[in-house]
Protein backbone atom coordinates (compact mmCIF):
# COMPACT_ATOMS: atom_id res chain seq x y z
CA UNK A 1 0.00 0.00 0.00
CA UNK A 2 2.82 2.42 0.80
CA UNK A 3 5.73 1.45 -1.41
CA UNK A 4 3.53 -0.59 -3.80
CA UNK A 5 6.09 -3.38 -3.99
CA UNK A 6 4.88 -6.95 -4.22
CA UNK A 7 5.68 -9.31 -1.37
CA UNK A 8 4.48 -12.52 0.17
CA UNK A 9 1.46 -12.13 2.43
CA UNK A 10 3.50 -13.43 5.37
CA UNK A 11 5.98 -10.54 4.94
CA UNK A 12 3.27 -7.88 5.17
CA UNK A 13 1.30 -6.41 8.06
CA UNK A 14 -2.48 -6.53 7.80
CA UNK A 15 -4.38 -3.43 8.87
CA UNK A 16 -8.08 -3.09 9.67
CA UNK A 17 -10.22 -0.14 10.70
CA UNK A 18 -11.96 -0.28 14.07
CA UNK A 19 -14.03 2.75 15.07
CA UNK A 20 -12.13 5.13 12.81
CA UNK A 21 -8.65 3.91 13.77
CA UNK A 22 -6.20 1.96 11.63
CA UNK A 23 -5.26 -0.98 13.84
CA UNK A 24 -2.47 -3.48 13.14
CA UNK A 25 -3.60 -7.09 12.80
CA UNK A 26 -0.37 -9.15 12.83
CA UNK A 27 -2.23 -12.46 13.24
CA UNK A 28 -4.70 -11.64 10.46
CA UNK A 29 -7.78 -12.63 12.45
CA UNK A 30 -9.68 -9.39 13.01
CA UNK A 31 -12.93 -9.06 11.06
CA UNK A 32 -13.45 -6.51 8.33
CA UNK A 33 -11.77 -5.24 5.23
CA UNK A 34 -8.00 -5.47 5.40
CA UNK A 35 -5.14 -3.67 3.72
CA UNK A 36 -1.50 -4.68 3.72
CA UNK A 37 1.68 -2.69 4.24
CA UNK A 38 5.30 -3.62 4.90
CA UNK A 39 6.01 -3.39 8.65
CA UNK A 40 8.64 -0.69 8.04
CA UNK A 41 8.49 2.97 8.89
CA UNK A 42 9.45 4.02 5.33
CA UNK A 43 6.51 2.14 3.83
CA UNK A 44 4.15 3.44 6.52
CA UNK A 45 5.28 7.04 5.88
CA UNK A 46 4.68 6.67 2.14
CA UNK A 47 1.17 5.34 2.76
CA UNK A 48 0.36 8.30 5.02
CA UNK A 49 1.75 10.84 2.54
CA UNK A 50 -0.21 9.29 -0.32
CA UNK A 51 -3.40 9.20 1.80
CA UNK A 52 -3.65 5.51 1.02
CA UNK A 53 -5.49 4.45 4.19
CA UNK A 54 -8.83 6.22 3.56
CA UNK A 55 -8.69 5.13 -0.08
CA UNK A 56 -7.97 1.50 0.77
CA UNK A 57 -10.77 1.33 3.31
CA UNK A 58 -13.15 3.43 1.23
CA UNK A 59 -13.48 5.87 4.12
CA UNK A 60 -15.17 9.22 3.97
CA UNK A 61 -12.71 11.07 6.10
CA UNK A 62 -9.28 10.93 7.67
CA UNK A 63 -8.45 7.86 9.72
CA UNK A 64 -6.44 7.86 12.93
CA UNK A 65 -3.17 6.04 12.24
CA UNK A 66 -1.57 6.59 15.68
CA UNK A 67 -1.96 2.92 16.82
CA UNK A 68 -0.39 1.74 13.59
CA UNK A 69 2.45 4.24 13.87
CA UNK A 70 3.23 3.02 17.40
CA UNK A 71 3.23 -0.60 16.26
CA UNK A 72 5.54 0.04 13.30
CA UNK A 73 7.92 2.13 15.43
CA UNK A 74 8.02 -0.56 18.11
CA UNK A 75 8.53 -3.33 15.56
CA UNK A 76 11.35 -1.44 13.84
CA UNK A 77 12.95 -0.70 17.21
CA UNK A 78 13.06 -4.41 18.05
CA UNK A 79 14.47 -5.36 14.67
CA UNK A 80 17.57 -3.19 15.04
CA UNK A 81 20.10 -4.17 17.73
PDB file of N, CA and C in Angstrom:
ATOM      1  N   UNK A   1       0.819  -1.179   0.000  1.00  0.00           N
ATOM      2  CA  UNK A   1       0.000   0.000   0.000  1.00  0.00           C
ATOM      3  C   UNK A   1       0.875   1.259   0.000  1.00  0.00           C
ATOM      4  N   UNK A   2       1.951   1.232   0.736  1.00  0.00           N
ATOM      5  CA  UNK A   2       2.816   2.416   0.803  1.00  0.00           C
ATOM      6  C   UNK A   2       3.808   2.461  -0.334  1.00  0.00           C
ATOM      7  N   UNK A   3       4.676   1.452  -0.390  1.00  0.00           N
ATOM      8  CA  UNK A   3       5.728   1.446  -1.414  1.00  0.00           C
ATOM      9  C   UNK A   3       5.259   0.774  -2.703  1.00  0.00           C
ATOM     10  N   UNK A   4       4.146   0.089  -2.650  1.00  0.00           N
ATOM     11  CA  UNK A   4       3.532  -0.593  -3.800  1.00  0.00           C
ATOM     12  C   UNK A   4       4.377  -1.729  -4.348  1.00  0.00           C
ATOM     13  N   UNK A   5       5.302  -2.230  -3.561  1.00  0.00           N
ATOM     14  CA  UNK A   5       6.093  -3.380  -3.990  1.00  0.00           C
ATOM     15  C   UNK A   5       5.349  -4.660  -3.643  1.00  0.00           C
ATOM     16  N   UNK A   6       5.512  -5.660  -4.459  1.00  0.00           N
ATOM     17  CA  UNK A   6       4.879  -6.948  -4.219  1.00  0.00           C
ATOM     18  C   UNK A   6       5.703  -7.728  -3.215  1.00  0.00           C
ATOM     19  N   UNK A   7       5.005  -8.475  -2.364  1.00  0.00           N
ATOM     20  CA  UNK A   7       5.681  -9.311  -1.369  1.00  0.00           C
ATOM     21  C   UNK A   7       4.736 -10.423  -0.958  1.00  0.00           C
ATOM     22  N   UNK A   8       5.292 -11.424  -0.334  1.00  0.00           N
ATOM     23  CA  UNK A   8       4.481 -12.524   0.174  1.00  0.00           C
ATOM     24  C   UNK A   8       3.589 -12.004   1.300  1.00  0.00           C
ATOM     25  N   UNK A   9       2.414 -12.564   1.410  1.00  0.00           N
ATOM     26  CA  UNK A   9       1.464 -12.133   2.433  1.00  0.00           C
ATOM     27  C   UNK A   9       2.060 -12.236   3.835  1.00  0.00           C
ATOM     28  N   UNK A  10       2.895 -13.233   4.053  1.00  0.00           N
ATOM     29  CA  UNK A  10       3.502 -13.429   5.372  1.00  0.00           C
ATOM     30  C   UNK A  10       4.511 -12.342   5.721  1.00  0.00           C
ATOM     31  N   UNK A  11       5.009 -11.618   4.710  1.00  0.00           N
ATOM     32  CA  UNK A  11       5.977 -10.544   4.940  1.00  0.00           C
ATOM     33  C   UNK A  11       5.306  -9.196   5.187  1.00  0.00           C
ATOM     34  N   UNK A  12       3.995  -9.134   5.046  1.00  0.00           N
ATOM     35  CA  UNK A  12       3.273  -7.880   5.172  1.00  0.00           C
ATOM     36  C   UNK A  12       2.474  -7.829   6.469  1.00  0.00           C
ATOM     37  N   UNK A  13       2.103  -6.626   6.868  1.00  0.00           N
ATOM     38  CA  UNK A  13       1.297  -6.406   8.059  1.00  0.00           C
ATOM     39  C   UNK A  13      -0.117  -6.058   7.617  1.00  0.00           C
ATOM     40  N   UNK A  14      -1.080  -6.805   8.123  1.00  0.00           N
ATOM     41  CA  UNK A  14      -2.480  -6.533   7.800  1.00  0.00           C
ATOM     42  C   UNK A  14      -2.991  -5.423   8.711  1.00  0.00           C
ATOM     43  N   UNK A  15      -3.807  -4.540   8.134  1.00  0.00           N
ATOM     44  CA  UNK A  15      -4.379  -3.426   8.866  1.00  0.00           C
ATOM     45  C   UNK A  15      -5.883  -3.453   8.669  1.00  0.00           C
ATOM     46  N   UNK A  16      -6.627  -3.211   9.739  1.00  0.00           N
ATOM     47  CA  UNK A  16      -8.076  -3.090   9.670  1.00  0.00           C
ATOM     48  C   UNK A  16      -8.492  -1.793  10.353  1.00  0.00           C
ATOM     49  N   UNK A  17      -9.702  -1.338  10.064  1.00  0.00           N
ATOM     50  CA  UNK A  17     -10.223  -0.136  10.700  1.00  0.00           C
ATOM     51  C   UNK A  17     -11.239  -0.541  11.753  1.00  0.00           C
ATOM     52  N   UNK A  18     -11.023  -0.057  12.969  1.00  0.00           N
ATOM     53  CA  UNK A  18     -11.958  -0.278  14.066  1.00  0.00           C
ATOM     54  C   UNK A  18     -12.280   1.078  14.657  1.00  0.00           C
ATOM     55  N   UNK A  19     -13.543   1.477  14.539  1.00  0.00           N
ATOM     56  CA  UNK A  19     -14.031   2.748  15.075  1.00  0.00           C
ATOM     57  C   UNK A  19     -13.182   3.940  14.629  1.00  0.00           C
ATOM     58  N   UNK A  20     -12.853   3.995  13.353  1.00  0.00           N
ATOM     59  CA  UNK A  20     -12.129   5.126  12.806  1.00  0.00           C
ATOM     60  C   UNK A  20     -10.628   5.117  13.024  1.00  0.00           C
ATOM     61  N   UNK A  21     -10.090   4.022  13.549  1.00  0.00           N
ATOM     62  CA  UNK A  21      -8.646   3.910  13.775  1.00  0.00           C
ATOM     63  C   UNK A  21      -8.078   2.772  12.936  1.00  0.00           C
ATOM     64  N   UNK A  22      -6.930   3.017  12.335  1.00  0.00           N
ATOM     65  CA  UNK A  22      -6.200   1.964  11.633  1.00  0.00           C
ATOM     66  C   UNK A  22      -5.453   1.156  12.687  1.00  0.00           C
ATOM     67  N   UNK A  23      -5.807  -0.113  12.802  1.00  0.00           N
ATOM     68  CA  UNK A  23      -5.258  -0.978  13.841  1.00  0.00           C
ATOM     69  C   UNK A  23      -4.448  -2.093  13.191  1.00  0.00           C
ATOM     70  N   UNK A  24      -3.248  -2.366  13.689  1.00  0.00           N
ATOM     71  CA  UNK A  24      -2.466  -3.481  13.138  1.00  0.00           C
ATOM     72  C   UNK A  24      -3.100  -4.814  13.506  1.00  0.00           C
ATOM     73  N   UNK A  25      -3.061  -5.742  12.588  1.00  0.00           N
ATOM     74  CA  UNK A  25      -3.602  -7.086  12.798  1.00  0.00           C
ATOM     75  C   UNK A  25      -2.534  -8.105  12.399  1.00  0.00           C
ATOM     76  N   UNK A  26      -1.487  -8.270  13.221  1.00  0.00           N
ATOM     77  CA  UNK A  26      -0.374  -9.151  12.829  1.00  0.00           C
ATOM     78  C   UNK A  26      -0.783 -10.612  12.659  1.00  0.00           C
ATOM     79  N   UNK A  27      -1.800 -11.065  13.378  1.00  0.00           N
ATOM     80  CA  UNK A  27      -2.233 -12.461  13.238  1.00  0.00           C
ATOM     81  C   UNK A  27      -3.208 -12.652  12.088  1.00  0.00           C
ATOM     82  N   UNK A  28      -3.790 -11.558  11.599  1.00  0.00           N
ATOM     83  CA  UNK A  28      -4.705 -11.637  10.459  1.00  0.00           C
ATOM     84  C   UNK A  28      -6.052 -12.219  10.805  1.00  0.00           C
ATOM     85  N   UNK A  29      -6.527 -12.015  12.032  1.00  0.00           N
ATOM     86  CA  UNK A  29      -7.781 -12.631  12.454  1.00  0.00           C
ATOM     87  C   UNK A  29      -8.903 -11.649  12.731  1.00  0.00           C
ATOM     88  N   UNK A  30      -8.630 -10.361  12.733  1.00  0.00           N
ATOM     89  CA  UNK A  30      -9.685  -9.386  13.012  1.00  0.00           C
ATOM     90  C   UNK A  30     -10.658  -9.321  11.843  1.00  0.00           C
ATOM     91  N   UNK A  31     -11.939  -9.121  12.144  1.00  0.00           N
ATOM     92  CA  UNK A  31     -12.928  -9.056  11.063  1.00  0.00           C
ATOM     93  C   UNK A  31     -12.867  -7.726  10.325  1.00  0.00           C
ATOM     94  N   UNK A  32     -13.359  -7.740   9.115  1.00  0.00           N
ATOM     95  CA  UNK A  32     -13.451  -6.513   8.334  1.00  0.00           C
ATOM     96  C   UNK A  32     -12.494  -6.491   7.171  1.00  0.00           C
ATOM     97  N   UNK A  33     -12.614  -5.431   6.408  1.00  0.00           N
ATOM     98  CA  UNK A  33     -11.769  -5.245   5.232  1.00  0.00           C
ATOM     99  C   UNK A  33     -10.336  -4.995   5.679  1.00  0.00           C
ATOM    100  N   UNK A  34      -9.405  -5.626   5.036  1.00  0.00           N
ATOM    101  CA  UNK A  34      -8.000  -5.472   5.401  1.00  0.00           C
ATOM    102  C   UNK A  34      -7.186  -4.867   4.283  1.00  0.00           C
ATOM    103  N   UNK A  35      -6.125  -4.209   4.669  1.00  0.00           N
ATOM    104  CA  UNK A  35      -5.145  -3.669   3.723  1.00  0.00           C
ATOM    105  C   UNK A  35      -3.776  -4.098   4.238  1.00  0.00           C
ATOM    106  N   UNK A  36      -2.818  -4.170   3.346  1.00  0.00           N
ATOM    107  CA  UNK A  36      -1.499  -4.676   3.724  1.00  0.00           C
ATOM    108  C   UNK A  36      -0.415  -3.653   3.444  1.00  0.00           C
ATOM    109  N   UNK A  37       0.553  -3.598   4.362  1.00  0.00           N
ATOM    110  CA  UNK A  37       1.680  -2.692   4.245  1.00  0.00           C
ATOM    111  C   UNK A  37       2.903  -3.412   4.815  1.00  0.00           C
ATOM    112  N   UNK A  38       4.083  -3.063   4.312  1.00  0.00           N
ATOM    113  CA  UNK A  38       5.300  -3.617   4.904  1.00  0.00           C
ATOM    114  C   UNK A  38       5.436  -3.074   6.323  1.00  0.00           C
ATOM    115  N   UNK A  39       5.862  -3.875   7.271  1.00  0.00           N
ATOM    116  CA  UNK A  39       6.011  -3.385   8.647  1.00  0.00           C
ATOM    117  C   UNK A  39       7.298  -2.582   8.820  1.00  0.00           C
ATOM    118  N   UNK A  40       7.462  -1.558   8.009  1.00  0.00           N
ATOM    119  CA  UNK A  40       8.644  -0.693   8.041  1.00  0.00           C
ATOM    120  C   UNK A  40       8.171   0.755   8.065  1.00  0.00           C
ATOM    121  N   UNK A  41       8.910   1.581   8.762  1.00  0.00           N
ATOM    122  CA  UNK A  41       8.490   2.974   8.889  1.00  0.00           C
ATOM    123  C   UNK A  41       8.492   3.700   7.546  1.00  0.00           C
ATOM    124  N   UNK A  42       9.392   3.361   6.645  1.00  0.00           N
ATOM    125  CA  UNK A  42       9.446   4.022   5.333  1.00  0.00           C
ATOM    126  C   UNK A  42       8.169   3.736   4.536  1.00  0.00           C
ATOM    127  N   UNK A  43       7.719   2.514   4.556  1.00  0.00           N
ATOM    128  CA  UNK A  43       6.511   2.135   3.831  1.00  0.00           C
ATOM    129  C   UNK A  43       5.277   2.783   4.473  1.00  0.00           C
ATOM    130  N   UNK A  44       5.252   2.804   5.796  1.00  0.00           N
ATOM    131  CA  UNK A  44       4.149   3.445   6.518  1.00  0.00           C
ATOM    132  C   UNK A  44       4.089   4.934   6.175  1.00  0.00           C
ATOM    133  N   UNK A  45       5.236   5.609   6.184  1.00  0.00           N
ATOM    134  CA  UNK A  45       5.282   7.037   5.880  1.00  0.00           C
ATOM    135  C   UNK A  45       4.784   7.330   4.465  1.00  0.00           C
ATOM    136  N   UNK A  46       5.161   6.498   3.512  1.00  0.00           N
ATOM    137  CA  UNK A  46       4.681   6.673   2.137  1.00  0.00           C
ATOM    138  C   UNK A  46       3.167   6.525   2.063  1.00  0.00           C
ATOM    139  N   UNK A  47       2.622   5.557   2.769  1.00  0.00           N
ATOM    140  CA  UNK A  47       1.174   5.345   2.763  1.00  0.00           C
ATOM    141  C   UNK A  47       0.444   6.546   3.354  1.00  0.00           C
ATOM    142  N   UNK A  48       0.988   7.125   4.410  1.00  0.00           N
ATOM    143  CA  UNK A  48       0.364   8.297   5.025  1.00  0.00           C
ATOM    144  C   UNK A  48       0.436   9.490   4.078  1.00  0.00           C
ATOM    145  N   UNK A  49       1.602   9.710   3.466  1.00  0.00           N
ATOM    146  CA  UNK A  49       1.750  10.841   2.539  1.00  0.00           C
ATOM    147  C   UNK A  49       0.834  10.715   1.332  1.00  0.00           C
ATOM    148  N   UNK A  50       0.633   9.514   0.862  1.00  0.00           N
ATOM    149  CA  UNK A  50      -0.215   9.289  -0.319  1.00  0.00           C
ATOM    150  C   UNK A  50      -1.695   9.214   0.030  1.00  0.00           C
ATOM    151  N   UNK A  51      -2.010   9.316   1.311  1.00  0.00           N
ATOM    152  CA  UNK A  51      -3.397   9.197   1.800  1.00  0.00           C
ATOM    153  C   UNK A  51      -4.010   7.874   1.352  1.00  0.00           C
ATOM    154  N   UNK A  52      -3.235   6.832   1.495  1.00  0.00           N
ATOM    155  CA  UNK A  52      -3.650   5.513   1.024  1.00  0.00           C
ATOM    156  C   UNK A  52      -4.643   4.830   1.962  1.00  0.00           C
ATOM    157  N   UNK A  53      -4.614   5.145   3.243  1.00  0.00           N
ATOM    158  CA  UNK A  53      -5.490   4.448   4.189  1.00  0.00           C
ATOM    159  C   UNK A  53      -6.970   4.734   3.946  1.00  0.00           C
ATOM    160  N   UNK A  54      -7.397   5.989   3.844  1.00  0.00           N
ATOM    161  CA  UNK A  54      -8.827   6.221   3.557  1.00  0.00           C
ATOM    162  C   UNK A  54      -9.259   5.637   2.217  1.00  0.00           C
ATOM    163  N   UNK A  55      -8.369   5.669   1.240  1.00  0.00           N
ATOM    164  CA  UNK A  55      -8.693   5.126  -0.083  1.00  0.00           C
ATOM    165  C   UNK A  55      -8.830   3.609  -0.030  1.00  0.00           C
ATOM    166  N   UNK A  56      -7.936   2.956   0.693  1.00  0.00           N
ATOM    167  CA  UNK A  56      -7.965   1.497   0.770  1.00  0.00           C
ATOM    168  C   UNK A  56      -9.200   0.991   1.513  1.00  0.00           C
ATOM    169  N   UNK A  57      -9.616   1.750   2.517  1.00  0.00           N
ATOM    170  CA  UNK A  57     -10.767   1.327   3.312  1.00  0.00           C
ATOM    171  C   UNK A  57     -12.059   1.994   2.877  1.00  0.00           C
ATOM    172  N   UNK A  58     -11.979   2.749   1.781  1.00  0.00           N
ATOM    173  CA  UNK A  58     -13.149   3.434   1.233  1.00  0.00           C
ATOM    174  C   UNK A  58     -13.819   4.301   2.294  1.00  0.00           C
ATOM    175  N   UNK A  59     -12.989   5.006   3.050  1.00  0.00           N
ATOM    176  CA  UNK A  59     -13.478   5.868   4.118  1.00  0.00           C
ATOM    177  C   UNK A  59     -13.876   7.228   3.600  1.00  0.00           C
ATOM    178  N   UNK A  60     -14.697   7.912   4.388  1.00  0.00           N
ATOM    179  CA  UNK A  60     -15.174   9.220   3.969  1.00  0.00           C
ATOM    180  C   UNK A  60     -14.401  10.346   4.624  1.00  0.00           C
ATOM    181  N   UNK A  61     -13.478  10.030   5.452  1.00  0.00           N
ATOM    182  CA  UNK A  61     -12.711  11.073   6.101  1.00  0.00           C
ATOM    183  C   UNK A  61     -11.357  10.551   6.517  1.00  0.00           C
ATOM    184  N   UNK A  62     -10.603  11.377   7.208  1.00  0.00           N
ATOM    185  CA  UNK A  62      -9.281  10.926   7.669  1.00  0.00           C
ATOM    186  C   UNK A  62      -9.413   9.848   8.739  1.00  0.00           C
ATOM    187  N   UNK A  63      -8.480   8.929   8.730  1.00  0.00           N
ATOM    188  CA  UNK A  63      -8.450   7.859   9.725  1.00  0.00           C
ATOM    189  C   UNK A  63      -7.299   8.099  10.683  1.00  0.00           C
ATOM    190  N   UNK A  64      -7.495   7.720  11.931  1.00  0.00           N
ATOM    191  CA  UNK A  64      -6.442   7.864  12.933  1.00  0.00           C
ATOM    192  C   UNK A  64      -5.449   6.717  12.750  1.00  0.00           C
ATOM    193  N   UNK A  65      -4.207   7.059  12.473  1.00  0.00           N
ATOM    194  CA  UNK A  65      -3.173   6.039  12.242  1.00  0.00           C
ATOM    195  C   UNK A  65      -2.188   5.947  13.400  1.00  0.00           C
ATOM    196  N   UNK A  66      -2.490   6.587  14.529  1.00  0.00           N
ATOM    197  CA  UNK A  66      -1.571   6.585  15.681  1.00  0.00           C
ATOM    198  C   UNK A  66      -1.270   5.174  16.192  1.00  0.00           C
ATOM    199  N   UNK A  67      -2.287   4.279  16.356  1.00  0.00           N
ATOM    200  CA  UNK A  67      -1.957   2.922  16.823  1.00  0.00           C
ATOM    201  C   UNK A  67      -1.036   2.176  15.864  1.00  0.00           C
ATOM    202  N   UNK A  68      -1.233   2.380  14.592  1.00  0.00           N
ATOM    203  CA  UNK A  68      -0.394   1.735  13.589  1.00  0.00           C
ATOM    204  C   UNK A  68       1.025   2.302  13.623  1.00  0.00           C
ATOM    205  N   UNK A  69       1.136   3.608  13.791  1.00  0.00           N
ATOM    206  CA  UNK A  69       2.453   4.241  13.867  1.00  0.00           C
ATOM    207  C   UNK A  69       3.237   3.713  15.067  1.00  0.00           C
ATOM    208  N   UNK A  70       2.569   3.558  16.200  1.00  0.00           N
ATOM    209  CA  UNK A  70       3.229   3.019  17.403  1.00  0.00           C
ATOM    210  C   UNK A  70       3.711   1.597  17.158  1.00  0.00           C
ATOM    211  N   UNK A  71       2.869   0.793  16.520  1.00  0.00           N
ATOM    212  CA  UNK A  71       3.231  -0.604  16.262  1.00  0.00           C
ATOM    213  C   UNK A  71       4.436  -0.696  15.341  1.00  0.00           C
ATOM    214  N   UNK A  72       4.421   0.081  14.270  1.00  0.00           N
ATOM    215  CA  UNK A  72       5.536   0.044  13.303  1.00  0.00           C
ATOM    216  C   UNK A  72       6.813   0.542  13.957  1.00  0.00           C
ATOM    217  N   UNK A  73       6.737   1.596  14.753  1.00  0.00           N
ATOM    218  CA  UNK A  73       7.917   2.126  15.426  1.00  0.00           C
ATOM    219  C   UNK A  73       8.471   1.124  16.438  1.00  0.00           C
ATOM    220  N   UNK A  74       7.603   0.443  17.147  1.00  0.00           N
ATOM    221  CA  UNK A  74       8.021  -0.563  18.115  1.00  0.00           C
ATOM    222  C   UNK A  74       8.635  -1.756  17.403  1.00  0.00           C
ATOM    223  N   UNK A  75       8.031  -2.185  16.315  1.00  0.00           N
ATOM    224  CA  UNK A  75       8.526  -3.333  15.557  1.00  0.00           C
ATOM    225  C   UNK A  75       9.887  -3.032  14.939  1.00  0.00           C
ATOM    226  N   UNK A  76      10.081  -1.832  14.424  1.00  0.00           N
ATOM    227  CA  UNK A  76      11.353  -1.437  13.840  1.00  0.00           C
ATOM    228  C   UNK A  76      12.403  -1.339  14.940  1.00  0.00           C
ATOM    229  N   UNK A  77      12.030  -0.821  16.091  1.00  0.00           N
ATOM    230  CA  UNK A  77      12.955  -0.696  17.207  1.00  0.00           C
ATOM    231  C   UNK A  77      13.460  -2.040  17.693  1.00  0.00           C
ATOM    232  N   UNK A  78      12.627  -3.076  17.632  1.00  0.00           N
ATOM    233  CA  UNK A  78      13.057  -4.406  18.049  1.00  0.00           C
ATOM    234  C   UNK A  78      13.928  -5.071  17.002  1.00  0.00           C
ATOM    235  N   UNK A  79      13.734  -4.706  15.745  1.00  0.00           N
ATOM    236  CA  UNK A  79      14.471  -5.359  14.674  1.00  0.00           C
ATOM    237  C   UNK A  79      15.924  -4.912  14.628  1.00  0.00           C
ATOM    238  N   UNK A  80      16.189  -3.673  15.055  1.00  0.00           N
ATOM    239  CA  UNK A  80      17.568  -3.191  15.035  1.00  0.00           C
ATOM    240  C   UNK A  80      18.222  -3.403  16.393  1.00  0.00           C
ATOM    241  N   UNK A  81      19.454  -3.898  16.441  1.00  0.00           N
ATOM    242  CA  UNK A  81      20.102  -4.165  17.734  1.00  0.00           C
ATOM    243  C   UNK A  81      20.555  -2.909  18.430  1.00  0.00           C
TER     244      UNK A  81
END
